[in-house]
PDB file of N, CA and C in Angstrom:
ATOM      1  N   MET A   1     140.300  56.076-142.556  1.00  0.00           N
ATOM      2  CA  MET A   1     139.551  57.333-142.679  1.00  0.00           C
ATOM      3  C   MET A   1     140.353  58.285-143.531  1.00  0.00           C
ATOM      4  N   SER A   2     139.711  58.868-144.503  1.00  0.00           N
ATOM      5  CA  SER A   2     140.413  59.770-145.341  1.00  0.00           C
ATOM      6  C   SER A   2     140.831  61.028-144.618  1.00  0.00           C
ATOM      7  N   SER A   3     141.856  61.730-145.163  1.00  0.00           N
ATOM      8  CA  SER A   3     142.363  62.864-144.592  1.00  0.00           C
ATOM      9  C   SER A   3     141.288  63.939-144.389  1.00  0.00           C
ATOM     10  N   GLU A   4     140.399  64.127-145.354  1.00  0.00           N
ATOM     11  CA  GLU A   4     139.344  65.150-145.217  1.00  0.00           C
ATOM     12  C   GLU A   4     138.460  64.813-144.078  1.00  0.00           C
ATOM     13  N   LYS A   5     138.059  63.561-143.962  1.00  0.00           N
ATOM     14  CA  LYS A   5     137.209  63.151-142.867  1.00  0.00           C
ATOM     15  C   LYS A   5     137.932  63.330-141.478  1.00  0.00           C
ATOM     16  N   SER A   6     139.170  62.940-141.472  1.00  0.00           N
ATOM     17  CA  SER A   6     139.967  63.115-140.244  1.00  0.00           C
ATOM     18  C   SER A   6     140.060  64.535-139.775  1.00  0.00           C
ATOM     19  N   ASP A   7     140.289  65.423-140.761  1.00  0.00           N
ATOM     20  CA  ASP A   7     140.448  66.869-140.493  1.00  0.00           C
ATOM     21  C   ASP A   7     139.032  67.421-139.954  1.00  0.00           C
ATOM     22  N   PHE A   8     137.913  66.966-140.554  1.00  0.00           N
ATOM     23  CA  PHE A   8     136.570  67.413-140.131  1.00  0.00           C
ATOM     24  C   PHE A   8     136.388  66.877-138.740  1.00  0.00           C
ATOM     25  N   PHE A   9     136.728  65.631-138.446  1.00  0.00           N
ATOM     26  CA  PHE A   9     136.532  64.994-137.084  1.00  0.00           C
ATOM     27  C   PHE A   9     137.350  65.815-135.954  1.00  0.00           C
ATOM     28  N   LEU A  10     138.603  66.085-136.321  1.00  0.00           N
ATOM     29  CA  LEU A  10     139.417  66.854-135.410  1.00  0.00           C
ATOM     30  C   LEU A  10     138.828  68.241-135.228  1.00  0.00           C
ATOM     31  N   MET A  11     138.342  68.928-136.220  1.00  0.00           N
ATOM     32  CA  MET A  11     137.731  70.202-136.092  1.00  0.00           C
ATOM     33  C   MET A  11     136.484  70.169-135.142  1.00  0.00           C
ATOM     34  N   CYS A  12     135.713  69.170-135.304  1.00  0.00           N
ATOM     35  CA  CYS A  12     134.526  68.997-134.457  1.00  0.00           C
ATOM     36  C   CYS A  12     134.900  68.766-133.008  1.00  0.00           C
ATOM     37  N   ILE A  13     135.946  68.013-132.737  1.00  0.00           N
ATOM     38  CA  ILE A  13     136.387  67.723-131.398  1.00  0.00           C
ATOM     39  C   ILE A  13     136.957  68.984-130.786  1.00  0.00           C
ATOM     40  N   MET A  14     137.759  69.787-131.558  1.00  0.00           N
ATOM     41  CA  MET A  14     138.298  70.950-131.044  1.00  0.00           C
ATOM     42  C   MET A  14     137.238  72.086-130.804  1.00  0.00           C
ATOM     43  N   LYS A  15     136.192  72.088-131.604  1.00  0.00           N
ATOM     44  CA  LYS A  15     135.128  72.971-131.415  1.00  0.00           C
ATOM     45  C   LYS A  15     134.389  72.645-130.077  1.00  0.00           C
ATOM     46  N   GLU A  16     134.102  71.385-129.885  1.00  0.00           N
ATOM     47  CA  GLU A  16     133.564  70.944-128.581  1.00  0.00           C
ATOM     48  C   GLU A  16     134.406  71.318-127.358  1.00  0.00           C
ATOM     49  N   PHE A  17     135.659  71.091-127.539  1.00  0.00           N
ATOM     50  CA  PHE A  17     136.729  71.475-126.484  1.00  0.00           C
ATOM     51  C   PHE A  17     136.547  72.914-126.172  1.00  0.00           C
ATOM     52  N   GLY A  18     136.528  73.832-127.234  1.00  0.00           N
ATOM     53  CA  GLY A  18     136.458  75.250-127.022  1.00  0.00           C
ATOM     54  C   GLY A  18     135.117  75.683-126.357  1.00  0.00           C
ATOM     55  N   ASN A  19     134.020  75.000-126.760  1.00  0.00           N
ATOM     56  CA  ASN A  19     132.772  75.259-126.111  1.00  0.00           C
ATOM     57  C   ASN A  19     132.780  74.889-124.662  1.00  0.00           C
ATOM     58  N   ARG A  20     133.335  73.746-124.320  1.00  0.00           N
ATOM     59  CA  ARG A  20     133.407  73.301-122.907  1.00  0.00           C
ATOM     60  C   ARG A  20     134.326  74.164-122.158  1.00  0.00           C
ATOM     61  N   LEU A  21     135.430  74.575-122.622  1.00  0.00           N
ATOM     62  CA  LEU A  21     136.319  75.475-121.918  1.00  0.00           C
ATOM     63  C   LEU A  21     135.656  76.776-121.629  1.00  0.00           C
ATOM     64  N   ARG A  22     135.000  77.365-122.657  1.00  0.00           N
ATOM     65  CA  ARG A  22     134.309  78.629-122.431  1.00  0.00           C
ATOM     66  C   ARG A  22     133.217  78.516-121.360  1.00  0.00           C
ATOM     67  N   GLU A  23     132.480  77.401-121.437  1.00  0.00           N
ATOM     68  CA  GLU A  23     131.391  77.171-120.452  1.00  0.00           C
ATOM     69  C   GLU A  23     131.919  77.061-119.050  1.00  0.00           C
ATOM     70  N   LEU A  24     133.008  76.271-118.887  1.00  0.00           N
ATOM     71  CA  LEU A  24     133.562  76.118-117.580  1.00  0.00           C
ATOM     72  C   LEU A  24     134.106  77.474-117.078  1.00  0.00           C
ATOM     73  N   ARG A  25     134.815  78.180-117.938  1.00  0.00           N
ATOM     74  CA  ARG A  25     135.378  79.509-117.566  1.00  0.00           C
ATOM     75  C   ARG A  25     134.328  80.481-117.107  1.00  0.00           C
ATOM     76  N   THR A  26     133.179  80.555-117.868  1.00  0.00           N
ATOM     77  CA  THR A  26     132.212  81.637-117.584  1.00  0.00           C
ATOM     78  C   THR A  26     131.400  81.144-116.419  1.00  0.00           C
ATOM     79  N   GLU A  27     131.110  79.812-116.210  1.00  0.00           N
ATOM     80  CA  GLU A  27     130.377  79.369-114.995  1.00  0.00           C
ATOM     81  C   GLU A  27     131.082  79.821-113.754  1.00  0.00           C
ATOM     82  N   ARG A  28     132.408  79.865-113.796  1.00  0.00           N
ATOM     83  CA  ARG A  28     133.237  80.261-112.650  1.00  0.00           C
ATOM     84  C   ARG A  28     133.554  81.764-112.636  1.00  0.00           C
ATOM     85  N   LYS A  29     132.956  82.463-113.563  1.00  0.00           N
ATOM     86  CA  LYS A  29     133.162  83.890-113.703  1.00  0.00           C
ATOM     87  C   LYS A  29     134.584  84.359-113.851  1.00  0.00           C
ATOM     88  N   LEU A  30     135.294  83.534-114.669  1.00  0.00           N
ATOM     89  CA  LEU A  30     136.727  83.854-114.872  1.00  0.00           C
ATOM     90  C   LEU A  30     136.804  84.572-116.248  1.00  0.00           C
ATOM     91  N   LEU A  31     137.569  85.639-116.344  1.00  0.00           N
ATOM     92  CA  LEU A  31     137.923  86.281-117.600  1.00  0.00           C
ATOM     93  C   LEU A  31     139.006  85.387-118.303  1.00  0.00           C
ATOM     94  N   GLN A  32     139.080  85.589-119.627  1.00  0.00           N
ATOM     95  CA  GLN A  32     140.149  84.857-120.298  1.00  0.00           C
ATOM     96  C   GLN A  32     141.484  85.262-119.748  1.00  0.00           C
ATOM     97  N   LYS A  33     141.720  86.499-119.389  1.00  0.00           N
ATOM     98  CA  LYS A  33     142.969  87.016-118.923  1.00  0.00           C
ATOM     99  C   LYS A  33     143.245  86.261-117.533  1.00  0.00           C
ATOM    100  N   GLU A  34     142.188  86.092-116.706  1.00  0.00           N
ATOM    101  CA  GLU A  34     142.434  85.383-115.408  1.00  0.00           C
ATOM    102  C   GLU A  34     142.789  83.916-115.565  1.00  0.00           C
ATOM    103  N   LEU A  35     142.117  83.248-116.440  1.00  0.00           N
ATOM    104  CA  LEU A  35     142.414  81.830-116.754  1.00  0.00           C
ATOM    105  C   LEU A  35     143.770  81.756-117.342  1.00  0.00           C
ATOM    106  N   ALA A  36     144.227  82.710-118.136  1.00  0.00           N
ATOM    107  CA  ALA A  36     145.549  82.604-118.800  1.00  0.00           C
ATOM    108  C   ALA A  36     146.596  82.688-117.764  1.00  0.00           C
ATOM    109  N   LYS A  37     146.379  83.571-116.730  1.00  0.00           N
ATOM    110  CA  LYS A  37     147.363  83.686-115.649  1.00  0.00           C
ATOM    111  C   LYS A  37     147.433  82.422-114.888  1.00  0.00           C
ATOM    112  N   ILE A  38     146.402  81.741-114.612  1.00  0.00           N
ATOM    113  CA  ILE A  38     146.367  80.492-113.886  1.00  0.00           C
ATOM    114  C   ILE A  38     147.108  79.415-114.668  1.00  0.00           C
ATOM    115  N   LEU A  39     146.915  79.417-115.969  1.00  0.00           N
ATOM    116  CA  LEU A  39     147.579  78.381-116.806  1.00  0.00           C
ATOM    117  C   LEU A  39     148.902  78.770-117.380  1.00  0.00           C
ATOM    118  N   LYS A  40     149.380  79.989-116.985  1.00  0.00           N
ATOM    119  CA  LYS A  40     150.674  80.492-117.427  1.00  0.00           C
ATOM    120  C   LYS A  40     150.741  80.561-118.989  1.00  0.00           C
ATOM    121  N   THR A  41     149.755  81.189-119.546  1.00  0.00           N
ATOM    122  CA  THR A  41     149.732  81.432-120.994  1.00  0.00           C
ATOM    123  C   THR A  41     149.103  82.874-121.188  1.00  0.00           C
ATOM    124  N   THR A  42     148.735  83.095-122.444  1.00  0.00           N
ATOM    125  CA  THR A  42     148.200  84.394-122.765  1.00  0.00           C
ATOM    126  C   THR A  42     146.628  84.345-122.951  1.00  0.00           C
ATOM    127  N   HIS A  43     145.983  85.441-122.808  1.00  0.00           N
ATOM    128  CA  HIS A  43     144.573  85.451-123.129  1.00  0.00           C
ATOM    129  C   HIS A  43     144.296  85.206-124.587  1.00  0.00           C
ATOM    130  N   TYR A  44     145.261  85.507-125.402  1.00  0.00           N
ATOM    131  CA  TYR A  44     145.083  85.280-126.892  1.00  0.00           C
ATOM    132  C   TYR A  44     145.038  83.645-127.017  1.00  0.00           C
ATOM    133  N   SER A  45     145.798  82.947-126.332  1.00  0.00           N
ATOM    134  CA  SER A  45     145.691  81.477-126.453  1.00  0.00           C
ATOM    135  C   SER A  45     144.438  81.051-125.980  1.00  0.00           C
ATOM    136  N   ILE A  46     143.887  81.497-124.858  1.00  0.00           N
ATOM    137  CA  ILE A  46     142.588  81.045-124.351  1.00  0.00           C
ATOM    138  C   ILE A  46     141.554  81.371-125.510  1.00  0.00           C
ATOM    139  N   SER A  47     141.558  82.567-126.031  1.00  0.00           N
ATOM    140  CA  SER A  47     140.624  82.918-127.041  1.00  0.00           C
ATOM    141  C   SER A  47     140.678  81.953-128.247  1.00  0.00           C
ATOM    142  N   ASP A  48     141.908  81.610-128.700  1.00  0.00           N
ATOM    143  CA  ASP A  48     142.102  80.715-129.823  1.00  0.00           C
ATOM    144  C   ASP A  48     141.645  79.348-129.543  1.00  0.00           C
ATOM    145  N   TRP A  49     141.847  78.892-128.265  1.00  0.00           N
ATOM    146  CA  TRP A  49     141.307  77.564-127.901  1.00  0.00           C
ATOM    147  C   TRP A  49     139.790  77.536-127.917  1.00  0.00           C
ATOM    148  N   GLU A  50     139.238  78.592-127.314  1.00  0.00           N
ATOM    149  CA  GLU A  50     137.759  78.652-127.258  1.00  0.00           C
ATOM    150  C   GLU A  50     137.066  78.742-128.649  1.00  0.00           C
ATOM    151  N   THR A  51     137.763  79.278-129.620  1.00  0.00           N
ATOM    152  CA  THR A  51     137.207  79.482-130.971  1.00  0.00           C
ATOM    153  C   THR A  51     137.791  78.428-131.949  1.00  0.00           C
ATOM    154  N   ALA A  52     138.461  77.405-131.396  1.00  0.00           N
ATOM    155  CA  ALA A  52     139.018  76.294-132.150  1.00  0.00           C
ATOM    156  C   ALA A  52     139.972  76.672-133.250  1.00  0.00           C
ATOM    157  N   LYS A  53     140.685  77.814-133.069  1.00  0.00           N
ATOM    158  CA  LYS A  53     141.737  78.236-133.998  1.00  0.00           C
ATOM    159  C   LYS A  53     142.967  77.434-133.875  1.00  0.00           C
ATOM    160  N   CYS A  54     143.159  76.910-132.719  1.00  0.00           N
ATOM    161  CA  CYS A  54     144.334  76.140-132.450  1.00  0.00           C
ATOM    162  C   CYS A  54     144.053  75.348-131.137  1.00  0.00           C
ATOM    163  N   GLU A  55     144.889  74.428-130.724  1.00  0.00           N
ATOM    164  CA  GLU A  55     144.599  73.636-129.588  1.00  0.00           C
ATOM    165  C   GLU A  55     145.854  73.603-128.554  1.00  0.00           C
ATOM    166  N   PRO A  56     145.598  73.508-127.326  1.00  0.00           N
ATOM    167  CA  PRO A  56     146.612  73.450-126.340  1.00  0.00           C
ATOM    168  C   PRO A  56     147.395  72.160-126.428  1.00  0.00           C
ATOM    169  N   ASP A  57     148.599  72.071-125.940  1.00  0.00           N
ATOM    170  CA  ASP A  57     149.353  70.862-125.771  1.00  0.00           C
ATOM    171  C   ASP A  57     148.734  69.912-124.789  1.00  0.00           C
ATOM    172  N   PHE A  58     149.113  68.697-124.691  1.00  0.00           N
ATOM    173  CA  PHE A  58     148.497  67.732-123.827  1.00  0.00           C
ATOM    174  C   PHE A  58     148.718  68.171-122.371  1.00  0.00           C
ATOM    175  N   GLN A  59     149.852  68.618-122.029  1.00  0.00           N
ATOM    176  CA  GLN A  59     150.165  69.029-120.615  1.00  0.00           C
ATOM    177  C   GLN A  59     149.164  70.196-120.158  1.00  0.00           C
ATOM    178  N   THR A  60     148.856  71.074-121.079  1.00  0.00           N
ATOM    179  CA  THR A  60     147.920  72.176-120.740  1.00  0.00           C
ATOM    180  C   THR A  60     146.542  71.596-120.704  1.00  0.00           C
ATOM    181  N   ILE A  61     146.189  70.659-121.486  1.00  0.00           N
ATOM    182  CA  ILE A  61     144.849  70.128-121.450  1.00  0.00           C
ATOM    183  C   ILE A  61     144.660  69.407-120.078  1.00  0.00           C
ATOM    184  N   CYS A  62     145.729  68.785-119.575  1.00  0.00           N
ATOM    185  CA  CYS A  62     145.715  68.086-118.237  1.00  0.00           C
ATOM    186  C   CYS A  62     145.535  69.162-117.140  1.00  0.00           C
ATOM    187  N   LEU A  63     146.283  70.364-117.305  1.00  0.00           N
ATOM    188  CA  LEU A  63     146.092  71.412-116.327  1.00  0.00           C
ATOM    189  C   LEU A  63     144.721  72.019-116.319  1.00  0.00           C
ATOM    190  N   ILE A  64     144.114  72.129-117.430  1.00  0.00           N
ATOM    191  CA  ILE A  64     142.755  72.621-117.546  1.00  0.00           C
ATOM    192  C   ILE A  64     141.799  71.700-116.856  1.00  0.00           C
ATOM    193  N   ALA A  65     141.851  70.356-117.164  1.00  0.00           N
ATOM    194  CA  ALA A  65     141.049  69.415-116.533  1.00  0.00           C
ATOM    195  C   ALA A  65     141.215  69.404-115.028  1.00  0.00           C
ATOM    196  N   ASP A  66     142.429  69.502-114.511  1.00  0.00           N
ATOM    197  CA  ASP A  66     142.691  69.491-113.143  1.00  0.00           C
ATOM    198  C   ASP A  66     142.138  70.735-112.487  1.00  0.00           C
ATOM    199  N   HIS A  67     142.336  71.924-113.154  1.00  0.00           N
ATOM    200  CA  HIS A  67     141.845  73.193-112.669  1.00  0.00           C
ATOM    201  C   HIS A  67     140.327  73.167-112.376  1.00  0.00           C
ATOM    202  N   PHE A  68     139.613  72.696-113.364  1.00  0.00           N
ATOM    203  CA  PHE A  68     138.155  72.678-113.379  1.00  0.00           C
ATOM    204  C   PHE A  68     137.611  71.461-112.787  1.00  0.00           C
ATOM    205  N   LYS A  69     138.483  70.463-112.404  1.00  0.00           N
ATOM    206  CA  LYS A  69     138.027  69.235-111.674  1.00  0.00           C
ATOM    207  C   LYS A  69     137.038  68.486-112.619  1.00  0.00           C
ATOM    208  N   VAL A  70     137.405  68.359-113.861  1.00  0.00           N
ATOM    209  CA  VAL A  70     136.672  67.546-114.804  1.00  0.00           C
ATOM    210  C   VAL A  70     137.645  66.605-115.478  1.00  0.00           C
ATOM    211  N   SER A  71     137.133  65.639-116.196  1.00  0.00           N
ATOM    212  CA  SER A  71     137.977  64.659-116.874  1.00  0.00           C
ATOM    213  C   SER A  71     138.361  65.239-118.326  1.00  0.00           C
ATOM    214  N   ILE A  72     139.403  64.701-118.895  1.00  0.00           N
ATOM    215  CA  ILE A  72     139.739  65.047-120.196  1.00  0.00           C
ATOM    216  C   ILE A  72     138.616  64.624-121.197  1.00  0.00           C
ATOM    217  N   ASP A  73     138.045  63.473-120.877  1.00  0.00           N
ATOM    218  CA  ASP A  73     136.903  63.099-121.732  1.00  0.00           C
ATOM    219  C   ASP A  73     135.824  64.097-121.765  1.00  0.00           C
ATOM    220  N   TYR A  74     135.532  64.710-120.581  1.00  0.00           N
ATOM    221  CA  TYR A  74     134.543  65.765-120.551  1.00  0.00           C
ATOM    222  C   TYR A  74     134.932  66.917-121.385  1.00  0.00           C
ATOM    223  N   LEU A  75     136.174  67.322-121.329  1.00  0.00           N
ATOM    224  CA  LEU A  75     136.556  68.503-122.081  1.00  0.00           C
ATOM    225  C   LEU A  75     136.363  68.252-123.647  1.00  0.00           C
ATOM    226  N   PHE A  76     136.482  67.011-124.035  1.00  0.00           N
ATOM    227  CA  PHE A  76     136.331  66.683-125.438  1.00  0.00           C
ATOM    228  C   PHE A  76     134.970  66.202-125.860  1.00  0.00           C
ATOM    229  N   GLY A  77     134.012  66.324-125.018  1.00  0.00           N
ATOM    230  CA  GLY A  77     132.668  65.988-125.291  1.00  0.00           C
ATOM    231  C   GLY A  77     132.406  64.450-125.237  1.00  0.00           C
ATOM    232  N   ARG A  78     133.221  63.660-124.592  1.00  0.00           N
ATOM    233  CA  ARG A  78     132.923  62.227-124.512  1.00  0.00           C
ATOM    234  C   ARG A  78     132.157  61.901-123.274  1.00  0.00           C
ATOM    235  N   GLU A  79     131.958  62.838-122.406  1.00  0.00           N
ATOM    236  CA  GLU A  79     131.167  62.642-121.162  1.00  0.00           C
ATOM    237  C   GLU A  79     130.234  63.839-121.124  1.00  0.00           C
ATOM    238  N   HIS A  80     129.128  63.690-120.421  1.00  0.00           N
ATOM    239  CA  HIS A  80     128.201  64.786-120.166  1.00  0.00           C
ATOM    240  C   HIS A  80     128.169  65.222-118.776  1.00  0.00           C
TER     241      HIS A  80
END
């Protein structure tokens, strides 16, 4: 896979992750600030993840999945 295709693929995956994170957070009526406190990060990080500006590390992805009781595959759009 070319670098350009790889970058596009990663961007699509992270956009899906951000959408799922926002959806889970809002379904549970959590503010970004509240989720940030739970995950021991900042609301700026939550915002950046939800808008696919950057991505959390693997440990944080696991914490997010555990907190919302979903699989990592769900977070990345591999499950519905």
